[in-house]
N, C-alpha and C. Protein backbone atom coordinates (compact mmCIF):
# COMPACT_ATOMS: atom_id res chain seq x y z
N UNK A 1 15.91 -32.55 -1.05
CA UNK A 1 16.11 -31.43 -1.94
C UNK A 1 17.39 -30.71 -1.52
N UNK A 2 18.31 -30.63 -2.43
CA UNK A 2 19.59 -29.97 -2.16
C UNK A 2 19.49 -28.54 -2.68
N UNK A 3 19.54 -27.59 -1.76
CA UNK A 3 19.43 -26.18 -2.12
C UNK A 3 20.82 -25.56 -2.27
N UNK A 4 21.76 -25.98 -1.45
CA UNK A 4 23.11 -25.41 -1.50
C UNK A 4 24.09 -26.42 -0.92
N UNK A 5 25.33 -26.36 -1.41
CA UNK A 5 26.36 -27.24 -0.88
C UNK A 5 27.30 -26.53 0.09
N UNK A 6 27.28 -25.19 0.09
CA UNK A 6 28.13 -24.43 1.01
C UNK A 6 27.43 -23.14 1.42
N UNK A 7 26.84 -23.09 2.59
CA UNK A 7 26.74 -24.18 3.55
C UNK A 7 25.73 -25.22 3.06
N UNK A 8 25.91 -26.44 3.51
CA UNK A 8 25.02 -27.52 3.09
C UNK A 8 23.60 -27.21 3.56
N UNK A 9 22.69 -27.11 2.60
CA UNK A 9 21.29 -26.79 2.89
C UNK A 9 20.43 -27.85 2.23
N UNK A 10 19.80 -28.66 3.05
CA UNK A 10 18.98 -29.79 2.59
C UNK A 10 17.60 -29.73 3.19
N UNK A 11 16.63 -30.20 2.42
CA UNK A 11 15.27 -30.35 2.91
C UNK A 11 14.77 -31.73 2.51
N UNK A 12 13.88 -32.27 3.34
CA UNK A 12 13.22 -33.54 3.04
C UNK A 12 11.73 -33.27 2.94
N UNK A 13 11.14 -33.79 1.89
CA UNK A 13 9.70 -33.64 1.69
C UNK A 13 8.93 -34.43 2.73
N UNK A 14 7.75 -33.96 3.07
CA UNK A 14 6.86 -34.70 3.95
C UNK A 14 6.21 -35.87 3.24
N UNK A 15 6.42 -35.96 1.94
CA UNK A 15 5.88 -37.06 1.14
C UNK A 15 6.90 -38.19 1.10
N UNK A 16 6.49 -39.32 1.58
CA UNK A 16 7.29 -40.53 1.41
C UNK A 16 6.34 -41.70 1.32
N UNK A 17 6.81 -42.77 0.75
CA UNK A 17 5.95 -43.94 0.65
C UNK A 17 6.79 -45.19 0.82
N UNK A 18 6.10 -46.20 1.22
CA UNK A 18 6.74 -47.48 1.45
C UNK A 18 6.64 -48.32 0.20
N UNK A 19 7.67 -49.07 -0.05
CA UNK A 19 7.59 -50.06 -1.11
C UNK A 19 7.44 -51.40 -0.43
N UNK A 20 6.32 -51.99 -0.64
CA UNK A 20 5.98 -53.24 0.03
C UNK A 20 5.72 -54.29 -1.03
N UNK A 21 6.26 -55.46 -0.82
CA UNK A 21 5.98 -56.56 -1.74
C UNK A 21 4.49 -56.89 -1.66
N UNK A 22 3.91 -57.29 -2.79
CA UNK A 22 2.48 -57.59 -2.83
C UNK A 22 2.12 -58.85 -2.05
N UNK A 23 3.07 -59.76 -1.92
CA UNK A 23 2.83 -61.01 -1.18
C UNK A 23 3.72 -61.04 0.06
N UNK A 24 3.27 -61.70 1.11
CA UNK A 24 4.12 -61.83 2.30
C UNK A 24 5.42 -62.55 1.97
N UNK A 25 6.49 -62.16 2.62
CA UNK A 25 7.81 -62.74 2.36
C UNK A 25 7.86 -64.19 2.82
N UNK A 26 8.39 -65.03 1.95
CA UNK A 26 8.68 -66.43 2.28
C UNK A 26 9.97 -66.82 1.58
N UNK A 27 10.57 -67.87 2.06
CA UNK A 27 11.82 -68.36 1.45
C UNK A 27 11.58 -69.57 0.56
N UNK A 28 10.32 -69.90 0.27
CA UNK A 28 10.06 -71.13 -0.48
C UNK A 28 9.83 -70.93 -1.97
N UNK A 29 9.60 -69.68 -2.42
CA UNK A 29 9.36 -69.46 -3.86
C UNK A 29 10.19 -68.28 -4.33
N UNK A 30 11.41 -68.54 -4.74
CA UNK A 30 12.29 -67.47 -5.18
C UNK A 30 11.94 -66.93 -6.56
N UNK A 31 11.08 -67.62 -7.30
CA UNK A 31 10.69 -67.17 -8.62
C UNK A 31 9.45 -66.27 -8.59
N UNK A 32 8.91 -66.00 -7.42
CA UNK A 32 7.70 -65.19 -7.29
C UNK A 32 8.08 -63.71 -7.14
N UNK A 33 7.98 -62.98 -8.24
CA UNK A 33 8.36 -61.57 -8.29
C UNK A 33 7.64 -60.76 -7.23
N UNK A 34 6.34 -61.01 -7.05
CA UNK A 34 5.54 -60.20 -6.13
C UNK A 34 5.85 -60.49 -4.66
N UNK A 35 6.63 -61.52 -4.40
CA UNK A 35 7.04 -61.82 -3.03
C UNK A 35 8.39 -61.20 -2.71
N UNK A 36 9.28 -61.14 -3.69
CA UNK A 36 10.66 -60.75 -3.41
C UNK A 36 11.05 -59.36 -3.91
N UNK A 37 10.18 -58.68 -4.61
CA UNK A 37 10.51 -57.35 -5.09
C UNK A 37 9.43 -56.36 -4.67
N UNK A 38 9.85 -55.12 -4.51
CA UNK A 38 8.91 -54.09 -4.03
C UNK A 38 8.57 -53.05 -5.07
N UNK A 39 9.30 -52.98 -6.17
CA UNK A 39 9.01 -51.99 -7.21
C UNK A 39 8.05 -52.62 -8.21
N UNK A 40 6.79 -52.21 -8.14
CA UNK A 40 5.76 -52.80 -9.00
C UNK A 40 5.28 -51.82 -10.08
N UNK A 41 5.73 -50.57 -10.03
CA UNK A 41 5.20 -49.60 -10.98
C UNK A 41 5.79 -49.76 -12.38
N UNK A 42 6.70 -50.70 -12.60
CA UNK A 42 7.23 -50.96 -13.93
C UNK A 42 6.78 -52.32 -14.44
N UNK A 43 5.77 -52.89 -13.80
CA UNK A 43 5.25 -54.20 -14.19
C UNK A 43 3.74 -54.11 -14.36
N UNK A 44 3.14 -55.22 -14.74
CA UNK A 44 1.68 -55.26 -14.85
C UNK A 44 1.01 -55.54 -13.51
N UNK A 45 1.79 -55.81 -12.47
CA UNK A 45 1.23 -56.08 -11.15
C UNK A 45 0.76 -54.78 -10.51
N UNK A 46 -0.21 -54.88 -9.65
CA UNK A 46 -0.69 -53.71 -8.92
C UNK A 46 0.33 -53.21 -7.92
N UNK A 47 0.17 -51.97 -7.51
CA UNK A 47 1.07 -51.35 -6.54
C UNK A 47 0.30 -51.14 -5.25
N UNK A 48 0.87 -51.59 -4.16
CA UNK A 48 0.27 -51.40 -2.84
C UNK A 48 0.71 -50.04 -2.30
N UNK A 49 -0.23 -49.13 -2.09
CA UNK A 49 0.09 -47.80 -1.59
C UNK A 49 -0.51 -47.64 -0.20
N UNK A 50 0.31 -47.20 0.73
CA UNK A 50 -0.14 -46.90 2.08
C UNK A 50 0.20 -45.44 2.34
N UNK A 51 -0.76 -44.68 2.83
CA UNK A 51 -0.50 -43.27 3.10
C UNK A 51 0.46 -43.13 4.27
N UNK A 52 1.08 -41.96 4.38
CA UNK A 52 2.00 -41.68 5.48
C UNK A 52 1.27 -41.85 6.81
N UNK A 53 0.08 -41.28 6.92
CA UNK A 53 -0.68 -41.37 8.17
C UNK A 53 -1.03 -42.81 8.52
N UNK A 54 -1.43 -43.59 7.50
CA UNK A 54 -1.77 -44.99 7.74
C UNK A 54 -0.54 -45.79 8.17
N UNK A 55 0.59 -45.54 7.51
CA UNK A 55 1.82 -46.24 7.90
C UNK A 55 2.20 -45.91 9.33
N UNK A 56 2.19 -44.63 9.68
CA UNK A 56 2.60 -44.24 11.02
C UNK A 56 1.67 -44.84 12.07
N UNK A 57 0.38 -44.91 11.78
CA UNK A 57 -0.57 -45.53 12.71
C UNK A 57 -0.29 -47.03 12.85
N UNK A 58 -0.03 -47.70 11.72
CA UNK A 58 0.28 -49.13 11.76
C UNK A 58 1.60 -49.39 12.50
N UNK A 59 2.57 -48.52 12.28
CA UNK A 59 3.86 -48.66 12.96
C UNK A 59 3.66 -48.59 14.47
N UNK A 60 2.87 -47.62 14.93
CA UNK A 60 2.62 -47.48 16.37
C UNK A 60 1.89 -48.68 16.94
N UNK A 61 0.99 -49.27 16.15
CA UNK A 61 0.28 -50.47 16.62
C UNK A 61 1.20 -51.68 16.69
N UNK A 62 2.04 -51.84 15.67
CA UNK A 62 2.90 -53.02 15.62
C UNK A 62 4.11 -52.91 16.55
N UNK A 63 4.60 -51.69 16.73
CA UNK A 63 5.78 -51.47 17.57
C UNK A 63 5.47 -50.40 18.62
N UNK A 64 4.61 -50.69 19.59
CA UNK A 64 4.18 -49.67 20.55
C UNK A 64 5.31 -49.11 21.41
N UNK A 65 6.40 -49.83 21.54
CA UNK A 65 7.51 -49.34 22.36
C UNK A 65 8.50 -48.49 21.56
N UNK A 66 8.31 -48.43 20.24
CA UNK A 66 9.20 -47.65 19.38
C UNK A 66 8.61 -46.27 19.11
N UNK A 67 9.47 -45.31 18.97
CA UNK A 67 9.06 -43.93 18.70
C UNK A 67 9.36 -43.62 17.23
N UNK A 68 8.31 -43.55 16.39
CA UNK A 68 8.51 -43.31 14.97
C UNK A 68 9.22 -41.98 14.73
N UNK A 69 8.92 -40.96 15.51
CA UNK A 69 9.59 -39.67 15.32
C UNK A 69 11.10 -39.79 15.54
N UNK A 70 11.51 -40.62 16.49
CA UNK A 70 12.95 -40.84 16.73
C UNK A 70 13.56 -41.62 15.56
N UNK A 71 12.84 -42.60 15.04
CA UNK A 71 13.33 -43.36 13.89
C UNK A 71 13.47 -42.42 12.69
N UNK A 72 12.46 -41.58 12.47
CA UNK A 72 12.51 -40.64 11.35
C UNK A 72 13.67 -39.66 11.52
N UNK A 73 13.93 -39.21 12.75
CA UNK A 73 15.07 -38.32 13.00
C UNK A 73 16.38 -39.02 12.66
N UNK A 74 16.49 -40.31 12.96
CA UNK A 74 17.69 -41.07 12.58
C UNK A 74 17.82 -41.19 11.07
N UNK A 75 16.70 -41.36 10.38
CA UNK A 75 16.73 -41.40 8.92
C UNK A 75 17.24 -40.07 8.38
N UNK A 76 16.71 -38.97 8.90
CA UNK A 76 17.14 -37.65 8.45
C UNK A 76 18.62 -37.42 8.74
N UNK A 77 19.09 -37.86 9.90
CA UNK A 77 20.50 -37.73 10.25
C UNK A 77 21.37 -38.51 9.26
N UNK A 78 20.93 -39.70 8.88
CA UNK A 78 21.66 -40.51 7.91
C UNK A 78 21.73 -39.82 6.55
N UNK A 79 20.61 -39.24 6.13
CA UNK A 79 20.58 -38.54 4.84
C UNK A 79 21.52 -37.34 4.87
N UNK A 80 21.49 -36.58 5.95
CA UNK A 80 22.39 -35.43 6.07
C UNK A 80 23.85 -35.91 6.02
N UNK A 81 24.16 -36.97 6.74
CA UNK A 81 25.54 -37.50 6.74
C UNK A 81 25.98 -37.92 5.34
N UNK A 82 25.06 -38.50 4.58
CA UNK A 82 25.36 -38.88 3.20
C UNK A 82 25.79 -37.66 2.39
N UNK A 83 25.03 -36.58 2.49
CA UNK A 83 25.35 -35.38 1.71
C UNK A 83 26.56 -34.64 2.27
N UNK A 84 26.81 -34.74 3.56
CA UNK A 84 28.05 -34.18 4.11
C UNK A 84 29.25 -34.89 3.50
N UNK A 85 29.16 -36.21 3.37
CA UNK A 85 30.25 -36.97 2.75
C UNK A 85 30.38 -36.63 1.27
N UNK A 86 29.24 -36.45 0.60
CA UNK A 86 29.26 -36.16 -0.84
C UNK A 86 29.81 -34.77 -1.15
N UNK A 87 29.76 -33.86 -0.18
CA UNK A 87 30.25 -32.50 -0.42
C UNK A 87 31.58 -32.23 0.28
N UNK A 88 32.17 -33.25 0.90
CA UNK A 88 33.41 -33.06 1.65
C UNK A 88 34.61 -32.81 0.74
N UNK A 89 34.57 -33.32 -0.48
CA UNK A 89 35.68 -33.15 -1.42
C UNK A 89 35.18 -32.42 -2.66
N UNK A 90 36.07 -31.68 -3.32
CA UNK A 90 35.66 -31.01 -4.56
C UNK A 90 35.51 -32.01 -5.69
N UNK A 91 34.87 -31.60 -6.81
CA UNK A 91 34.77 -32.49 -7.97
C UNK A 91 36.16 -32.86 -8.45
N UNK A 92 36.37 -34.01 -8.99
CA UNK A 92 35.37 -35.00 -9.37
C UNK A 92 35.01 -35.98 -8.25
N UNK A 93 35.60 -35.85 -7.08
CA UNK A 93 35.29 -36.78 -5.98
C UNK A 93 33.98 -36.44 -5.28
N UNK A 94 33.62 -35.18 -5.27
CA UNK A 94 32.42 -34.75 -4.55
C UNK A 94 31.54 -33.86 -5.40
N UNK A 95 30.45 -33.41 -4.80
CA UNK A 95 29.55 -32.49 -5.49
C UNK A 95 30.16 -31.10 -5.53
N UNK A 96 30.04 -30.43 -6.66
CA UNK A 96 30.58 -29.09 -6.79
C UNK A 96 29.75 -28.06 -6.06
N UNK A 97 30.33 -26.90 -5.87
CA UNK A 97 29.64 -25.81 -5.17
C UNK A 97 29.15 -24.80 -6.20
N UNK A 98 27.89 -24.44 -6.10
CA UNK A 98 27.31 -23.44 -6.99
C UNK A 98 26.06 -22.87 -6.33
N UNK A 99 26.03 -21.57 -6.18
CA UNK A 99 24.86 -20.91 -5.57
C UNK A 99 23.64 -20.98 -6.48
N UNK A 100 23.83 -21.25 -7.76
CA UNK A 100 22.71 -21.28 -8.71
C UNK A 100 22.16 -22.68 -8.94
N UNK A 101 22.77 -23.67 -8.35
CA UNK A 101 22.37 -25.05 -8.60
C UNK A 101 21.41 -25.55 -7.53
N UNK A 102 20.42 -26.28 -7.97
CA UNK A 102 19.46 -26.95 -7.07
C UNK A 102 19.32 -28.38 -7.58
N UNK A 103 18.98 -29.30 -6.68
CA UNK A 103 18.86 -30.69 -7.11
C UNK A 103 17.83 -31.43 -6.28
N UNK A 104 17.19 -32.38 -6.93
CA UNK A 104 16.25 -33.28 -6.27
C UNK A 104 16.87 -34.67 -6.27
N UNK A 105 16.91 -35.28 -5.12
CA UNK A 105 17.42 -36.64 -4.99
C UNK A 105 16.35 -37.51 -4.34
N UNK A 106 16.30 -38.75 -4.77
CA UNK A 106 15.48 -39.75 -4.10
C UNK A 106 16.40 -40.63 -3.27
N UNK A 107 16.00 -40.92 -2.06
CA UNK A 107 16.83 -41.73 -1.17
C UNK A 107 16.01 -42.94 -0.73
N UNK A 108 16.51 -44.13 -1.05
CA UNK A 108 15.86 -45.37 -0.61
C UNK A 108 16.50 -45.81 0.70
N UNK A 109 15.66 -45.99 1.69
CA UNK A 109 16.12 -46.35 3.04
C UNK A 109 15.43 -47.63 3.48
N UNK A 110 16.20 -48.50 4.08
CA UNK A 110 15.65 -49.71 4.68
C UNK A 110 15.91 -49.62 6.18
N UNK A 111 14.98 -50.12 6.97
CA UNK A 111 15.18 -50.15 8.42
C UNK A 111 15.58 -51.55 8.83
N UNK A 112 16.57 -51.62 9.72
CA UNK A 112 17.01 -52.91 10.23
C UNK A 112 17.07 -52.84 11.75
N UNK A 113 17.03 -53.99 12.36
CA UNK A 113 17.19 -54.08 13.81
C UNK A 113 18.67 -54.30 14.11
N UNK A 114 19.22 -53.51 15.02
CA UNK A 114 20.61 -53.69 15.43
C UNK A 114 20.68 -54.80 16.47
N UNK A 115 21.89 -55.22 16.79
CA UNK A 115 22.08 -56.29 17.78
C UNK A 115 21.54 -55.91 19.16
N UNK A 116 21.52 -54.61 19.44
CA UNK A 116 21.01 -54.17 20.74
C UNK A 116 19.51 -53.84 20.71
N UNK A 117 18.83 -54.26 19.63
CA UNK A 117 17.37 -54.13 19.57
C UNK A 117 16.85 -52.78 19.14
N UNK A 118 17.68 -51.95 18.55
CA UNK A 118 17.24 -50.63 18.08
C UNK A 118 16.94 -50.69 16.58
N UNK A 119 16.03 -49.84 16.14
CA UNK A 119 15.76 -49.71 14.71
C UNK A 119 16.77 -48.73 14.14
N UNK A 120 17.41 -49.15 13.06
CA UNK A 120 18.50 -48.36 12.47
C UNK A 120 18.27 -48.21 10.97
N UNK A 121 18.37 -46.97 10.44
CA UNK A 121 18.21 -46.79 8.99
C UNK A 121 19.47 -47.18 8.23
N UNK A 122 19.25 -47.77 7.06
CA UNK A 122 20.34 -48.11 6.15
C UNK A 122 19.99 -47.49 4.80
N UNK A 123 20.84 -46.63 4.28
CA UNK A 123 20.60 -46.04 2.97
C UNK A 123 21.01 -47.06 1.91
N UNK A 124 20.04 -47.42 1.06
CA UNK A 124 20.29 -48.41 0.02
C UNK A 124 20.82 -47.77 -1.25
N UNK A 125 20.21 -46.65 -1.65
CA UNK A 125 20.66 -45.96 -2.85
C UNK A 125 20.14 -44.54 -2.85
N UNK A 126 20.79 -43.72 -3.66
CA UNK A 126 20.38 -42.33 -3.85
C UNK A 126 20.35 -42.07 -5.34
N UNK A 127 19.27 -41.45 -5.80
CA UNK A 127 19.11 -41.19 -7.24
C UNK A 127 18.94 -39.69 -7.48
N UNK A 128 19.73 -39.17 -8.42
CA UNK A 128 19.56 -37.79 -8.85
C UNK A 128 18.30 -37.71 -9.70
N UNK A 129 17.46 -36.80 -9.40
CA UNK A 129 16.18 -36.58 -10.07
C UNK A 129 15.44 -37.90 -10.30
N UNK A 130 14.89 -38.45 -9.23
CA UNK A 130 14.21 -39.75 -9.32
C UNK A 130 12.89 -39.67 -10.07
N UNK A 131 12.36 -40.82 -10.41
CA UNK A 131 11.04 -40.92 -11.05
C UNK A 131 9.99 -40.46 -10.03
N UNK A 132 9.30 -39.40 -10.35
CA UNK A 132 8.31 -38.83 -9.42
C UNK A 132 6.88 -39.11 -9.84
N UNK A 133 6.69 -40.04 -10.77
CA UNK A 133 5.35 -40.33 -11.28
C UNK A 133 4.39 -40.69 -10.15
N UNK A 134 4.80 -41.61 -9.30
CA UNK A 134 3.92 -42.05 -8.21
C UNK A 134 3.68 -40.91 -7.21
N UNK A 135 4.70 -40.14 -6.92
CA UNK A 135 4.53 -39.01 -6.00
C UNK A 135 3.49 -38.03 -6.54
N UNK A 136 3.56 -37.73 -7.82
CA UNK A 136 2.60 -36.79 -8.43
C UNK A 136 1.20 -37.38 -8.50
N UNK A 137 1.11 -38.69 -8.70
CA UNK A 137 -0.20 -39.35 -8.81
C UNK A 137 -0.93 -39.33 -7.48
N UNK A 138 -0.22 -39.60 -6.40
CA UNK A 138 -0.88 -39.73 -5.09
C UNK A 138 -0.80 -38.47 -4.24
N UNK A 139 0.09 -37.56 -4.57
CA UNK A 139 0.26 -36.31 -3.82
C UNK A 139 0.25 -35.17 -4.83
N UNK A 140 -0.93 -34.64 -5.10
CA UNK A 140 -1.12 -33.69 -6.20
C UNK A 140 -0.25 -32.44 -6.10
N UNK A 141 0.11 -32.02 -4.89
CA UNK A 141 0.91 -30.82 -4.72
C UNK A 141 2.40 -31.10 -4.56
N UNK A 142 2.81 -32.30 -4.90
CA UNK A 142 4.20 -32.70 -4.70
C UNK A 142 5.17 -31.75 -5.40
N UNK A 143 4.97 -31.50 -6.69
CA UNK A 143 5.89 -30.61 -7.41
C UNK A 143 5.76 -29.17 -6.96
N UNK A 144 4.58 -28.75 -6.55
CA UNK A 144 4.44 -27.40 -5.99
C UNK A 144 5.34 -27.26 -4.76
N UNK A 145 5.35 -28.30 -3.91
CA UNK A 145 6.21 -28.26 -2.73
C UNK A 145 7.68 -28.16 -3.13
N UNK A 146 8.09 -28.97 -4.11
CA UNK A 146 9.48 -28.94 -4.55
C UNK A 146 9.86 -27.56 -5.09
N UNK A 147 9.00 -27.00 -5.90
CA UNK A 147 9.29 -25.68 -6.47
C UNK A 147 9.31 -24.60 -5.41
N UNK A 148 8.45 -24.71 -4.40
CA UNK A 148 8.48 -23.74 -3.30
C UNK A 148 9.82 -23.76 -2.59
N UNK A 149 10.43 -24.92 -2.47
CA UNK A 149 11.72 -25.03 -1.79
C UNK A 149 12.87 -24.69 -2.74
N UNK A 150 12.92 -25.36 -3.89
CA UNK A 150 14.08 -25.26 -4.76
C UNK A 150 14.16 -23.97 -5.57
N UNK A 151 13.02 -23.42 -5.95
CA UNK A 151 13.02 -22.24 -6.83
C UNK A 151 12.61 -20.97 -6.08
N UNK A 152 11.53 -21.05 -5.33
CA UNK A 152 10.99 -19.85 -4.68
C UNK A 152 11.58 -19.60 -3.29
N UNK A 153 12.36 -20.56 -2.78
CA UNK A 153 12.97 -20.43 -1.46
C UNK A 153 11.92 -20.13 -0.38
N UNK A 154 10.81 -20.87 -0.47
CA UNK A 154 9.69 -20.66 0.45
C UNK A 154 9.19 -22.01 0.98
N UNK A 155 9.99 -22.71 1.78
CA UNK A 155 9.56 -24.03 2.26
C UNK A 155 8.31 -24.00 3.14
N UNK A 156 8.02 -22.86 3.74
CA UNK A 156 6.82 -22.76 4.59
C UNK A 156 5.53 -22.89 3.78
N UNK A 157 5.60 -22.70 2.47
CA UNK A 157 4.40 -22.80 1.62
C UNK A 157 4.10 -24.24 1.21
N UNK A 158 4.92 -25.18 1.62
CA UNK A 158 4.73 -26.58 1.23
C UNK A 158 3.46 -27.15 1.85
N UNK A 159 2.67 -27.82 1.04
CA UNK A 159 1.41 -28.42 1.48
C UNK A 159 1.67 -29.67 2.33
N UNK A 160 2.62 -30.49 1.92
CA UNK A 160 2.85 -31.78 2.56
C UNK A 160 3.91 -31.72 3.66
N UNK A 161 4.39 -30.55 3.95
CA UNK A 161 5.39 -30.42 5.00
C UNK A 161 6.80 -30.65 4.49
N UNK A 162 7.71 -29.85 4.97
CA UNK A 162 9.11 -29.92 4.58
C UNK A 162 9.93 -29.89 5.86
N UNK A 163 10.97 -30.71 5.93
CA UNK A 163 11.86 -30.71 7.08
C UNK A 163 13.24 -30.28 6.62
N UNK A 164 13.79 -29.25 7.28
CA UNK A 164 15.16 -28.83 6.98
C UNK A 164 16.11 -29.71 7.77
N UNK A 165 17.11 -30.24 7.07
CA UNK A 165 18.08 -31.12 7.74
C UNK A 165 19.30 -30.32 8.16
């Protein structure tokens, strides 16, 4: 959530979800949509939803030597860097400055392993005012949280938690 561009004021919702392919990844069937794509909410295929708590628990089980909080901090640092770059130049190269403007962005992040064995976030894309259908379906107070931050300037009232970047 972009609250201001000068000074840069950003928040990240405590609501996030993983996009997981319905079938395990293999290299033998490239025509299998459910194996190679993760966006299922625009198809007739079911959507695999894992809660934040369930994901974090599974992450700790699968990668006991990794610190999810440190990985998440790196993700947040990457998102902040993205918006620092986007606001470094005036329009039309960058985002304009306006005290009255607020914006919601969706950020797709993939995690990769670096050559030195660290988990590193990679920003795949950023969308202005993303499709929030799934967020509203599974997190009933999602828009209340957004409005508390973007309109009421009260991030402490967020149900799902808000992190200032």
